[in-house]
Amino acid sequence: MDLKNLHISEKLVPHNYLRLAQDAQKAKETARRELLEKRKLPVHGWPDAHIEEMVQQLASLDSNNFPKKAGVGEREARIACPLVARRHYNFGHGIGRSGDLLEAQPKAAGSTLMANLTNSLLLDLIHEMGVRSCRACFLSPLATGMSLLLCLLTLRQKRPAAKYVLWSRIDQKSCFKSIITAGLTPLIIQPRLADNGALSTDLPAFARKVEEVGAEKILCFCTTTSCFAPRNCDDIIEVAKLATQHAVPHLVNNAYGLQSTHLTHQLEQAQRLGRLDLFVQSTDKNLLVPVGGAIIAGFDEELVRSVAKAYPGRASSSQTLDVFMTLLSLGRVGYMNFVKERKTNFEYLRECMHKFAQEHAEQVVETKGNPISLALSLSQLQDVGGELTKFGSMLYTRGISGARVLTVGDTRKIEGHEFVNWGTHHSDTSTAYLTMAAGLGITKAEIHNCFEKLNECWQTVMNQKFKFKT
């Protein structure tokens, strides 16, 4: 209710009291106006009550929430369960229209406004994190793998004769399966294995493969920034130069890389010095919302719009609502504080891991190109059967989630392609290791607790190992 433009009798409330109340509302109204006019992240996060008020005002613009309505269509955003209606703030129409995620919806002015505003806030965040050249982005209602699929299908329309994707091997299924699902053929480029176990991009192998199959038959280069150690971020700058040289598109899986200024700097430099067409990042990892969305971004507005048009039908607005409310809640300062804390906690994780390695005669694999994940060798647990699996199980049952025990010799077949030493990113890995990551939102207390339990599990397994030997 706009109290400024109402004439309210003093019989209801004295004018001086009303003026105080109006002044209190002014700051809130100014914040809403700036958000709509500037379409930028607020500097400071909003209180929950202000966010809910904004969301409810947007929802009231959708036809299913009109006071007088008579819906006679096959889809009128009717919601049977009150709990579901409250959970979604009465948004029921979704976003986009058939065949275009970015198209306005006649029955849903509020949903359309929220979706477009969210995309503007995300672009502002990408710029703030260092990818200043990024021209466009949108929130995809699909997780990272399916969002990569949309990108591949879009590139395929532009290069119909191309059928190969040069993929720098990373042992995460989502990206690889997106290539297969798109009906394309992956050409796997195995990374280079250094003496210390670190893995980096094999650029000569990329160049050789282009010469072997021909640039015109290659749909795109597919690289990865964020990954499990001991794999480093791909050298996306040099791959981007190669992409420019051969006029081949370049798609980057930036799954959880938006939270790292080091990785976003690589994206910006890759665009400036070479070719980078699209990059995709997960919303749950980078924005701390439930799983289900991704941000598809690029440096050509028309190309990004083409990806949005590749989505069939309209989409759920759930991911948009989650991201919109989270961005308003954090604001620019709140998000950057998370980024700074993550950096600090990564260094603390590194210190704890080096200390553990020194105490137990193991090694931390140095991967300077990976600012999020670390790897610890488990050489002492390799020589007794079952110890590695048991160690990993012990960690998980004690509440240590996300730590991965990776063994040597695990072969995995995915859609007819065989991966030797699956999980380690390389066929010639010889030492088992444990990986941990300092993702956005991690706390120092979690790291401390983790290493307390890690020491307990290590002692238990080593004691049992000693008994086994004797």
Protein backbone atom coordinates (compact mmCIF):
# COMPACT_ATOMS: atom_id res chain seq x y z
CA MET A 1 0.00 0.00 0.00
CA ASP A 2 1.37 3.39 -1.05
CA LEU A 3 0.74 5.54 2.03
CA LYS A 4 2.34 8.63 0.44
CA ASN A 5 -0.47 9.21 -2.03
CA LEU A 6 -3.37 8.49 0.26
CA HIS A 7 -5.26 11.15 2.14
CA ILE A 8 -5.77 9.64 5.58
CA SER A 9 -7.99 11.38 8.08
CA GLU A 10 -6.48 12.41 11.40
CA LYS A 11 -9.39 10.53 12.95
CA LEU A 12 -7.56 7.37 11.90
CA VAL A 13 -4.00 8.41 12.76
CA PRO A 14 -2.34 11.75 13.58
CA HIS A 15 -0.39 13.22 10.66
CA ASN A 16 2.87 13.54 12.59
CA TYR A 17 2.74 9.83 13.50
CA LEU A 18 1.91 8.92 9.90
CA ARG A 19 4.81 11.01 8.63
CA LEU A 20 7.24 9.06 10.79
CA ALA A 21 5.87 5.81 9.39
CA GLN A 22 6.15 7.13 5.83
CA ASP A 23 9.76 8.13 6.39
CA ALA A 24 10.53 4.63 7.65
CA GLN A 25 9.08 3.17 4.44
CA LYS A 26 11.06 5.53 2.22
CA ALA A 27 14.37 3.65 2.45
CA LYS A 28 12.67 0.40 1.52
CA GLU A 29 10.92 2.00 -1.45
CA THR A 30 14.19 3.61 -2.58
CA ALA A 31 15.94 0.22 -2.51
CA ARG A 32 13.19 -1.36 -4.61
CA ARG A 33 13.24 1.49 -7.10
CA GLU A 34 17.02 1.34 -7.49
CA LEU A 35 16.84 -2.42 -8.02
CA LEU A 36 14.29 -2.06 -10.81
CA GLU A 37 15.90 0.95 -12.46
CA LYS A 38 19.59 0.04 -12.20
CA ARG A 39 19.22 -3.78 -12.31
CA LYS A 40 22.35 -4.15 -10.20
CA LEU A 41 23.11 -6.15 -7.08
CA PRO A 42 22.30 -4.12 -3.96
CA VAL A 43 25.46 -3.20 -2.10
CA HIS A 44 24.14 -4.64 1.15
CA GLY A 45 21.74 -7.53 1.54
CA TRP A 46 18.06 -6.92 2.24
CA PRO A 47 16.24 -8.11 5.38
CA ASP A 48 14.05 -11.19 4.87
CA ALA A 49 10.84 -9.21 5.35
CA HIS A 50 11.76 -6.79 2.56
CA ILE A 51 12.64 -9.64 0.21
CA GLU A 52 9.35 -11.40 0.88
CA GLU A 53 7.42 -8.19 0.33
CA MET A 54 9.17 -7.69 -3.02
CA VAL A 55 8.49 -11.27 -4.09
CA GLN A 56 4.84 -11.07 -3.09
CA GLN A 57 4.42 -7.86 -5.07
CA LEU A 58 5.89 -9.55 -8.14
CA ALA A 59 3.66 -12.60 -7.67
CA SER A 60 0.60 -10.33 -7.53
CA LEU A 61 1.33 -9.32 -11.14
CA ASP A 62 0.71 -12.88 -12.39
CA SER A 63 -2.79 -13.61 -13.65
CA ASN A 64 -3.44 -16.51 -11.26
CA ASN A 65 -3.22 -14.01 -8.39
CA PHE A 66 -5.54 -11.36 -9.83
CA PRO A 67 -8.48 -10.57 -7.49
CA LYS A 68 -10.92 -11.04 -10.38
CA LYS A 69 -9.99 -13.85 -12.70
CA ALA A 70 -11.77 -16.34 -14.89
CA GLY A 71 -9.20 -18.72 -16.32
CA VAL A 72 -10.45 -20.89 -19.17
CA GLY A 73 -7.12 -22.14 -20.52
CA GLU A 74 -5.50 -25.55 -20.13
CA ARG A 75 -2.82 -24.05 -17.89
CA GLU A 76 -3.93 -21.42 -15.38
CA ALA A 77 -1.32 -21.92 -12.64
CA ARG A 78 -3.87 -23.40 -10.23
CA ILE A 79 -2.16 -24.90 -7.19
CA ALA A 80 -4.12 -27.48 -5.20
CA CYS A 81 -1.97 -27.74 -2.06
CA PRO A 82 -1.68 -24.60 0.12
CA LEU A 83 1.76 -25.76 1.28
CA VAL A 84 3.00 -25.84 -2.30
CA ALA A 85 1.48 -22.42 -2.99
CA ARG A 86 3.23 -20.93 0.03
CA ARG A 87 6.51 -22.62 -0.83
CA HIS A 88 6.47 -20.97 -4.28
CA TYR A 89 4.97 -17.64 -3.12
CA ASN A 90 2.06 -18.33 -5.51
CA PHE A 91 4.25 -18.30 -8.59
CA GLY A 92 2.84 -20.98 -10.87
CA HIS A 93 3.29 -19.97 -14.49
CA GLY A 94 7.02 -20.64 -14.82
CA ILE A 95 9.28 -18.59 -17.07
CA GLY A 96 9.62 -18.14 -20.81
CA ARG A 97 7.33 -19.42 -23.53
CA SER A 98 7.44 -22.47 -25.75
CA GLY A 99 10.87 -22.49 -27.36
CA ASP A 100 12.47 -19.49 -25.64
CA LEU A 101 13.44 -19.14 -21.98
CA LEU A 102 13.83 -15.38 -22.33
CA GLU A 103 10.49 -14.58 -23.96
CA ALA A 104 7.87 -12.65 -21.96
CA GLN A 105 4.75 -14.49 -20.84
CA PRO A 106 1.38 -12.73 -21.20
CA LYS A 107 -0.18 -14.33 -18.12
CA ALA A 108 2.89 -13.79 -15.94
CA ALA A 109 4.20 -10.22 -15.88
CA GLY A 110 5.58 -10.75 -12.38
CA SER A 111 7.39 -14.00 -13.25
CA THR A 112 8.82 -12.41 -16.40
CA LEU A 113 10.01 -9.39 -14.45
CA MET A 114 11.62 -11.57 -11.79
CA ALA A 115 13.36 -13.76 -14.39
CA ASN A 116 14.78 -10.83 -16.35
CA LEU A 117 15.81 -9.01 -13.19
CA THR A 118 17.55 -12.15 -11.90
CA ASN A 119 19.50 -12.47 -15.16
CA SER A 120 20.60 -8.83 -14.83
CA LEU A 121 21.75 -9.38 -11.25
CA LEU A 122 23.69 -12.50 -12.31
CA LEU A 123 25.44 -10.58 -15.08
CA ASP A 124 26.37 -7.90 -12.54
CA LEU A 125 27.77 -10.61 -10.26
CA ILE A 126 29.82 -12.14 -13.10
CA HIS A 127 31.28 -8.69 -13.81
CA GLU A 128 32.00 -8.18 -10.11
CA MET A 129 33.86 -11.50 -9.98
CA GLY A 130 36.15 -10.37 -12.79
CA VAL A 131 34.66 -11.49 -16.11
CA ARG A 132 34.13 -7.90 -17.24
CA SER A 133 33.83 -8.75 -20.94
CA CYS A 134 30.83 -11.02 -20.42
CA ARG A 135 27.96 -9.59 -22.45
CA ALA A 136 25.01 -11.80 -21.54
CA CYS A 137 23.85 -14.60 -19.29
CA PHE A 138 20.68 -16.32 -18.17
CA LEU A 139 19.61 -18.69 -15.45
CA SER A 140 18.95 -22.11 -16.91
CA PRO A 141 16.42 -24.26 -14.97
CA LEU A 142 18.72 -27.24 -15.55
CA ALA A 143 21.79 -28.39 -13.64
CA THR A 144 25.26 -28.08 -15.18
CA GLY A 145 25.30 -31.22 -17.34
CA MET A 146 22.00 -30.52 -19.07
CA SER A 147 22.92 -26.85 -19.46
CA LEU A 148 26.12 -27.91 -21.22
CA LEU A 149 23.91 -30.08 -23.44
CA LEU A 150 21.87 -26.99 -24.43
CA CYS A 151 25.10 -25.23 -25.38
CA LEU A 152 26.31 -28.17 -27.47
CA LEU A 153 22.98 -28.45 -29.30
CA THR A 154 23.10 -24.72 -30.08
CA LEU A 155 26.65 -24.97 -31.46
CA ARG A 156 25.59 -27.98 -33.49
CA GLN A 157 22.94 -25.92 -35.27
CA LYS A 158 25.64 -23.48 -36.29
CA ARG A 159 28.13 -26.20 -37.35
CA PRO A 160 25.95 -29.05 -38.71
CA ALA A 161 28.86 -30.81 -40.42
CA ALA A 162 30.86 -31.07 -37.17
CA LYS A 163 30.50 -34.16 -35.00
CA TYR A 164 33.54 -34.22 -32.71
CA VAL A 165 34.11 -32.57 -29.35
CA LEU A 166 37.72 -32.33 -28.19
CA TRP A 167 37.31 -32.91 -24.47
CA SER A 168 40.09 -32.48 -21.95
CA ARG A 169 39.54 -35.49 -19.69
CA ILE A 170 38.03 -34.84 -16.30
CA ASP A 171 36.49 -37.71 -14.38
CA GLN A 172 33.09 -36.18 -13.75
CA LYS A 173 30.24 -37.83 -15.64
CA SER A 174 27.98 -34.85 -16.30
CA CYS A 175 30.05 -33.07 -18.94
CA PHE A 176 31.05 -36.27 -20.74
CA LYS A 177 27.46 -37.55 -20.82
CA SER A 178 26.22 -34.23 -22.16
CA ILE A 179 28.44 -34.78 -25.22
CA ILE A 180 27.06 -38.29 -25.74
CA THR A 181 23.45 -37.20 -25.21
CA ALA A 182 23.88 -34.48 -27.82
CA GLY A 183 24.68 -37.22 -30.35
CA LEU A 184 28.30 -36.10 -30.66
CA THR A 185 31.55 -38.05 -30.55
CA PRO A 186 34.00 -37.15 -27.77
CA LEU A 187 37.70 -37.18 -28.60
CA ILE A 188 39.32 -37.56 -25.21
CA ILE A 189 42.49 -35.58 -24.58
CA GLN A 190 44.22 -37.02 -21.54
CA PRO A 191 46.01 -34.43 -19.35
CA ARG A 192 49.73 -34.39 -18.80
CA LEU A 193 50.95 -36.16 -15.68
CA ALA A 194 53.80 -34.43 -13.84
CA ASP A 195 56.32 -36.25 -11.66
CA ASN A 196 54.58 -34.98 -8.51
CA GLY A 197 51.21 -36.30 -9.68
CA ALA A 198 49.71 -32.98 -10.78
CA LEU A 199 47.72 -32.93 -14.01
CA SER A 200 47.64 -30.16 -16.60
CA THR A 201 46.27 -29.59 -20.11
CA ASP A 202 48.06 -31.39 -22.93
CA LEU A 203 48.07 -28.55 -25.46
CA PRO A 204 50.19 -30.37 -28.10
CA ALA A 205 47.66 -33.22 -28.02
CA PHE A 206 44.87 -30.73 -28.77
CA ALA A 207 46.83 -29.35 -31.73
CA ARG A 208 47.64 -32.83 -33.06
CA LYS A 209 44.02 -33.92 -32.88
CA VAL A 210 42.86 -30.85 -34.81
CA GLU A 211 45.32 -31.66 -37.58
CA GLU A 212 44.28 -35.31 -37.54
CA VAL A 213 40.49 -34.91 -37.90
CA GLY A 214 40.25 -31.44 -39.43
CA ALA A 215 38.95 -28.27 -37.77
CA GLU A 216 35.74 -28.27 -39.82
CA LYS A 217 34.68 -31.57 -38.24
CA ILE A 218 35.20 -30.35 -34.67
CA LEU A 219 32.13 -28.84 -33.03
CA CYS A 220 34.07 -27.31 -30.16
CA PHE A 221 36.85 -27.60 -27.63
CA CYS A 222 35.47 -28.47 -24.19
CA THR A 223 37.60 -27.52 -21.20
CA THR A 224 37.12 -27.32 -17.44
CA THR A 225 38.16 -24.76 -14.85
CA SER A 226 36.94 -26.19 -11.53
CA CYS A 227 37.90 -29.79 -10.84
CA PHE A 228 39.07 -32.28 -8.23
CA ALA A 229 42.78 -32.21 -7.44
CA PRO A 230 45.37 -33.26 -8.44
CA ARG A 231 43.98 -31.98 -11.75
CA ASN A 232 44.64 -28.33 -12.40
CA CYS A 233 42.32 -25.93 -14.13
CA ASP A 234 42.67 -26.41 -17.87
CA ASP A 235 44.91 -23.91 -19.60
CA ILE A 236 41.86 -22.25 -21.10
CA ILE A 237 43.88 -19.24 -22.27
CA GLU A 238 46.11 -21.32 -24.55
CA VAL A 239 43.16 -23.47 -25.68
CA ALA A 240 41.32 -20.22 -26.50
CA LYS A 241 44.25 -19.14 -28.68
CA LEU A 242 44.13 -22.49 -30.46
CA ALA A 243 40.37 -22.05 -30.92
CA THR A 244 40.99 -18.68 -32.58
CA GLN A 245 43.71 -20.11 -34.80
CA HIS A 246 41.44 -22.88 -36.14
CA ALA A 247 38.08 -21.03 -35.91
CA VAL A 248 36.67 -23.66 -33.54
CA PRO A 249 34.16 -22.75 -30.79
CA HIS A 250 35.27 -23.10 -27.18
CA LEU A 251 32.92 -24.23 -24.39
CA VAL A 252 34.06 -24.07 -20.75
CA ASN A 253 32.65 -26.12 -17.90
CA ASN A 254 33.02 -23.62 -15.04
CA ALA A 255 30.90 -25.75 -12.68
CA TYR A 256 32.06 -24.25 -9.37
CA GLY A 257 34.53 -21.71 -10.70
CA LEU A 258 32.48 -18.54 -10.37
CA GLN A 259 33.36 -18.38 -6.66
CA SER A 260 37.09 -18.10 -7.43
CA THR A 261 38.56 -14.82 -8.69
CA HIS A 262 41.59 -16.77 -9.92
CA LEU A 263 39.41 -18.86 -12.23
CA THR A 264 37.25 -15.97 -13.38
CA HIS A 265 40.44 -14.10 -14.30
CA GLN A 266 41.36 -17.06 -16.55
CA LEU A 267 37.97 -16.76 -18.26
CA GLU A 268 38.44 -13.05 -18.87
CA GLN A 269 41.96 -13.51 -20.23
CA ALA A 270 40.88 -16.41 -22.45
CA GLN A 271 38.28 -14.15 -24.06
CA ARG A 272 40.70 -11.26 -24.49
CA LEU A 273 43.58 -13.32 -25.91
CA GLY A 274 41.67 -15.99 -27.81
CA ARG A 275 38.20 -17.46 -28.29
CA LEU A 276 35.79 -18.45 -25.56
CA ASP A 277 32.17 -18.77 -26.66
CA LEU A 278 30.20 -19.99 -23.65
CA PHE A 279 30.88 -20.86 -20.01
CA VAL A 280 28.51 -22.64 -17.64
CA GLN A 281 28.41 -22.61 -13.83
CA SER A 282 26.22 -24.31 -11.26
CA THR A 283 23.92 -22.25 -9.04
CA ASP A 284 24.02 -24.59 -6.04
CA LYS A 285 27.83 -24.55 -5.82
CA ASN A 286 28.32 -20.84 -6.52
CA LEU A 287 25.20 -19.31 -4.96
CA LEU A 288 24.36 -21.79 -2.18
CA VAL A 289 20.85 -22.64 -3.37
CA PRO A 290 19.25 -26.08 -3.87
CA VAL A 291 20.45 -28.14 -6.84
CA GLY A 292 18.70 -27.63 -10.16
CA GLY A 293 20.00 -24.57 -11.98
CA ALA A 294 22.99 -23.23 -13.89
CA ILE A 295 24.15 -19.90 -15.29
CA ILE A 296 24.89 -19.97 -19.01
CA ALA A 297 27.04 -17.00 -19.99
CA GLY A 298 28.98 -15.76 -22.96
CA PHE A 299 30.53 -12.85 -24.82
CA ASP A 300 28.06 -12.71 -27.72
CA GLU A 301 24.48 -11.77 -26.83
CA GLU A 302 23.06 -13.40 -29.93
CA LEU A 303 24.75 -16.73 -29.17
CA VAL A 304 23.56 -16.72 -25.55
CA ARG A 305 20.04 -15.94 -26.76
CA SER A 306 20.28 -18.87 -29.18
CA VAL A 307 21.03 -21.20 -26.27
CA ALA A 308 17.95 -19.93 -24.44
CA LYS A 309 15.88 -20.71 -27.54
CA ALA A 310 17.18 -24.30 -27.58
CA TYR A 311 15.14 -25.09 -24.45
CA PRO A 312 11.84 -26.77 -25.44
CA GLY A 313 8.76 -25.35 -23.72
CA ARG A 314 8.54 -23.08 -20.72
CA ALA A 315 10.47 -23.76 -17.53
CA SER A 316 10.04 -23.86 -13.78
CA SER A 317 10.57 -20.59 -11.96
CA SER A 318 11.73 -22.34 -8.77
CA GLN A 319 15.42 -21.89 -9.53
CA THR A 320 14.86 -18.25 -10.50
CA LEU A 321 13.01 -17.56 -7.25
CA ASP A 322 15.78 -19.21 -5.19
CA VAL A 323 18.55 -17.28 -6.91
CA PHE A 324 16.65 -13.97 -6.90
CA MET A 325 15.99 -14.13 -3.15
CA THR A 326 19.55 -15.27 -2.40
CA LEU A 327 21.14 -12.43 -4.38
CA LEU A 328 18.95 -9.88 -2.59
CA SER A 329 19.73 -11.49 0.76
CA LEU A 330 23.51 -11.43 0.25
CA GLY A 331 23.99 -8.27 -1.74
CA ARG A 332 27.36 -7.43 -3.25
CA VAL A 333 29.13 -7.13 0.12
CA GLY A 334 27.66 -10.36 1.46
CA TYR A 335 28.70 -12.40 -1.57
CA MET A 336 32.22 -10.96 -1.71
CA ASN A 337 32.62 -11.71 2.01
CA PHE A 338 31.82 -15.34 1.22
CA VAL A 339 34.45 -15.26 -1.53
CA LYS A 340 37.11 -13.83 0.80
CA GLU A 341 36.27 -16.32 3.56
CA ARG A 342 36.54 -19.19 1.11
CA LYS A 343 40.03 -18.07 0.07
CA THR A 344 41.13 -17.82 3.69
CA ASN A 345 39.68 -21.22 4.53
CA PHE A 346 41.33 -22.79 1.50
CA GLU A 347 44.70 -21.71 2.88
CA TYR A 348 43.73 -23.13 6.27
CA LEU A 349 42.74 -26.40 4.60
CA ARG A 350 46.12 -26.47 2.85
CA GLU A 351 47.94 -25.90 6.17
CA CYS A 352 45.99 -28.69 7.87
CA MET A 353 46.62 -31.08 5.00
CA HIS A 354 50.37 -30.35 4.92
CA LYS A 355 50.56 -30.87 8.68
CA PHE A 356 48.72 -34.18 8.40
CA ALA A 357 50.95 -35.30 5.52
CA GLN A 358 54.12 -34.48 7.47
CA GLU A 359 52.90 -36.35 10.55
CA HIS A 360 51.91 -39.46 8.61
CA ALA A 361 54.62 -39.66 5.94
CA GLU A 362 52.33 -38.73 3.07
CA GLN A 363 52.44 -35.92 0.49
CA VAL A 364 50.17 -33.11 -0.64
CA VAL A 365 50.12 -32.88 -4.42
CA GLU A 366 50.98 -29.29 -5.34
CA THR A 367 48.46 -27.97 -7.86
CA LYS A 368 48.93 -24.21 -8.10
CA GLY A 369 46.35 -24.02 -10.87
CA ASN A 370 43.60 -25.39 -8.65
CA PRO A 371 42.45 -22.80 -6.06
CA ILE A 372 39.60 -24.88 -4.60
CA SER A 373 40.61 -28.56 -4.29
CA LEU A 374 43.61 -30.34 -2.73
CA ALA A 375 44.88 -33.92 -2.92
CA LEU A 376 46.67 -35.99 -0.26
CA SER A 377 48.52 -39.21 -1.14
CA LEU A 378 47.42 -42.44 0.59
CA SER A 379 50.45 -44.54 -0.32
CA GLN A 380 50.59 -46.32 3.05
CA LEU A 381 47.09 -47.71 2.62
CA GLN A 382 47.63 -49.10 -0.89
CA ASP A 383 49.53 -52.27 -0.08
CA VAL A 384 46.80 -53.96 1.97
CA GLY A 385 43.62 -54.98 0.18
CA GLY A 386 40.42 -53.25 1.23
CA GLU A 387 42.06 -50.61 3.43
CA LEU A 388 41.36 -47.70 1.07
CA THR A 389 37.69 -48.56 0.68
CA LYS A 390 37.36 -49.05 4.42
CA PHE A 391 39.07 -45.74 5.12
CA GLY A 392 36.68 -43.88 2.81
CA SER A 393 33.69 -45.58 4.42
CA MET A 394 34.89 -44.63 7.90
CA LEU A 395 35.18 -40.98 6.93
CA TYR A 396 31.68 -40.90 5.47
CA THR A 397 30.02 -42.60 8.44
CA ARG A 398 31.64 -40.00 10.72
CA GLY A 399 30.03 -37.16 8.84
CA ILE A 400 32.92 -36.15 6.60
CA SER A 401 31.13 -35.54 3.32
CA GLY A 402 32.79 -34.47 0.09
CA ALA A 403 36.17 -36.03 0.86
CA ARG A 404 36.92 -38.62 -1.83
CA VAL A 405 39.20 -41.60 -1.52
CA LEU A 406 40.36 -42.45 -5.05
CA THR A 407 41.95 -45.80 -5.74
CA VAL A 408 44.21 -46.97 -8.54
CA GLY A 409 42.91 -49.58 -10.98
CA ASP A 410 39.22 -48.70 -11.05
CA THR A 411 38.13 -48.98 -14.68
CA ARG A 412 34.80 -47.50 -15.70
CA LYS A 413 32.88 -47.80 -18.97
CA ILE A 414 30.63 -44.89 -19.87
CA GLU A 415 28.60 -45.11 -23.07
CA GLY A 416 31.16 -47.44 -24.65
CA HIS A 417 34.21 -45.42 -23.60
CA GLU A 418 36.64 -46.99 -21.14
CA PHE A 419 38.32 -44.89 -18.48
CA VAL A 420 41.29 -46.47 -16.71
CA ASN A 421 41.81 -45.26 -13.13
CA TRP A 422 38.42 -43.59 -13.13
CA GLY A 423 38.25 -40.71 -10.68
CA THR A 424 41.93 -39.83 -10.96
CA HIS A 425 41.62 -38.12 -14.38
CA HIS A 426 44.53 -40.13 -15.83
CA SER A 427 45.20 -43.71 -16.93
CA ASP A 428 48.74 -43.78 -15.52
CA THR A 429 48.05 -42.59 -11.99
CA SER A 430 50.00 -44.85 -9.61
CA THR A 431 49.18 -43.53 -6.15
CA ALA A 432 45.81 -43.47 -4.39
CA TYR A 433 44.84 -40.20 -2.81
CA LEU A 434 42.24 -38.30 -0.82
CA THR A 435 40.71 -35.11 -2.19
CA MET A 436 39.10 -32.28 -0.25
CA ALA A 437 37.74 -28.95 -1.38
CA ALA A 438 37.18 -25.56 0.20
CA GLY A 439 33.95 -24.56 -1.49
CA LEU A 440 31.91 -21.43 -0.96
CA GLY A 441 30.39 -21.33 2.50
CA ILE A 442 32.91 -23.69 4.15
CA THR A 443 33.88 -22.74 7.71
CA LYS A 444 37.10 -23.05 9.65
CA ALA A 445 35.24 -25.12 12.26
CA GLU A 446 34.27 -27.67 9.59
CA ILE A 447 37.89 -28.04 8.49
CA HIS A 448 39.10 -28.41 12.07
CA ASN A 449 36.43 -31.01 12.82
CA CYS A 450 37.26 -32.86 9.60
CA PHE A 451 40.94 -33.27 10.46
CA GLU A 452 40.19 -34.38 14.00
CA LYS A 453 38.09 -37.22 12.59
CA LEU A 454 40.58 -37.85 9.81
CA ASN A 455 43.32 -38.46 12.37
CA GLU A 456 41.08 -40.82 14.35
CA CYS A 457 40.21 -42.84 11.24
CA TRP A 458 43.85 -42.95 10.15
CA GLN A 459 44.99 -44.30 13.49
CA THR A 460 42.26 -46.94 13.50
CA VAL A 461 43.08 -48.16 9.99
CA MET A 462 46.84 -48.13 10.56
CA ASN A 463 46.48 -50.11 13.79
CA GLN A 464 44.38 -52.69 12.00
CA LYS A 465 46.85 -52.76 9.15
CA PHE A 466 49.68 -53.47 11.59
CA LYS A 467 47.72 -56.36 13.12
CA PHE A 468 47.02 -57.72 9.64
CA LYS A 469 50.73 -57.74 8.81
CA THR A 470 51.73 -59.49 12.04
